[in-house]
Protein backbone atom coordinates (compact mmCIF):
# COMPACT_ATOMS: atom_id res chain seq x y z
CA MET A 1 6.27 -18.02 11.51
CA LYS A 2 9.99 -16.74 12.61
CA LEU A 3 9.61 -14.77 9.37
CA ILE A 4 5.92 -13.25 10.81
CA PHE A 5 7.56 -13.01 14.62
CA GLY A 6 10.33 -10.94 13.05
CA PHE A 7 8.50 -8.59 11.39
CA LEU A 8 6.10 -7.77 14.27
CA LEU A 9 9.08 -7.29 15.95
CA LEU A 10 10.86 -5.03 13.67
CA ALA A 11 7.43 -2.96 13.80
CA VAL A 12 8.44 -2.48 17.64
CA THR A 13 11.14 -1.64 17.40
CA VAL A 14 10.81 1.16 15.01
CA ALA A 15 7.31 2.31 16.30
CA PHE A 16 9.29 2.08 20.21
CA THR A 17 12.27 4.44 19.16
CA THR A 18 10.05 6.97 16.93
CA GLY A 19 8.07 7.73 20.25
CA LEU A 20 11.42 8.50 22.79
CA TYR A 21 12.94 10.31 19.90
CA LEU A 22 9.71 12.28 19.79
CA VAL A 23 9.51 12.69 23.63
CA ILE A 24 12.50 13.89 23.79
CA ARG A 25 12.22 16.64 21.01
CA LYS A 26 11.14 19.89 21.72
CA PRO A 27 7.35 20.92 20.68
CA ALA A 28 8.00 22.72 18.06
CA GLN A 29 10.10 20.26 16.56
CA LYS A 30 7.97 17.71 17.82
CA LYS A 31 4.74 18.74 15.54
CA ASN A 32 6.96 19.42 12.52
CA ASP A 33 8.06 15.85 13.08
CA LEU A 34 5.00 14.73 13.62
CA ASP A 35 3.48 16.09 10.52
CA ASN A 36 5.97 14.47 8.58
CA LEU A 37 5.51 10.80 9.73
CA LEU A 38 1.78 11.07 8.73
CA SER A 39 2.83 12.54 5.41
CA LEU A 40 5.45 9.37 4.85
CA SER A 41 3.01 7.35 6.09
CA ARG A 42 0.40 8.13 3.70
CA GLN A 43 2.82 7.71 1.01
CA ILE A 44 3.95 4.40 2.32
CA ALA A 45 -0.10 3.39 2.02
CA GLN A 46 -0.51 5.51 -1.26
CA ARG A 47 3.05 2.96 -2.33
CA VAL A 48 1.24 -0.11 -1.22
CA ARG A 49 -2.21 -0.03 -2.51
CA GLN A 50 -0.75 1.25 -6.24
CA PHE A 51 1.48 -2.12 -5.92
CA GLY A 52 -1.89 -3.99 -4.53
CA ASP A 53 -3.50 -2.86 -7.65
CA TYR A 54 -0.67 -3.80 -10.15
CA LEU A 55 -0.50 -7.13 -8.56
CA LEU A 56 -4.27 -8.19 -8.61
CA LYS A 57 -4.28 -6.01 -12.25
CA LEU A 58 -1.28 -8.34 -13.18
CA PHE A 59 -2.56 -11.80 -11.34
CA GLY A 60 -6.08 -11.24 -11.04
CA PRO A 61 -9.09 -12.86 -12.78
CA LYS A 62 -9.00 -11.94 -16.14
CA SER A 63 -12.56 -12.03 -18.11
CA GLU A 64 -13.42 -14.68 -20.67
CA ALA A 65 -13.20 -12.11 -23.76
CA SER A 66 -9.15 -11.86 -23.16
CA ILE A 67 -8.37 -15.71 -22.13
CA GLU A 68 -9.94 -17.31 -24.89
CA GLY A 69 -8.26 -13.92 -26.67
CA GLN A 70 -11.18 -13.58 -28.59
CA VAL A 71 -12.39 -9.41 -29.01
CA PRO A 72 -16.06 -9.61 -28.37
CA GLN A 73 -18.43 -8.35 -31.70
CA GLN A 74 -21.22 -6.07 -31.48
CA THR A 75 -24.31 -7.26 -33.67
CA THR A 76 -26.33 -4.65 -35.15
CA PRO A 77 -30.34 -5.71 -35.56
CA ALA A 78 -31.98 -5.98 -38.65
CA ALA A 79 -33.80 -3.15 -40.14
């Protein structure tokens, strides 16, 4: 519970200080900062998604063939 609360407190603190920083900046600089911030948030979201895909690939459900260590063989019908 303390870990969750600590993370939420950190997120609120970052959001608050970012908001104050953007209020102080000049309009031209603010637009550039907002573009950089959006780009950074997209990059973070992409990395989290990639990490989630990696964890799913590593620990996710496996097919029966890979669990048993056998490769399914194709059968050809008799002519």
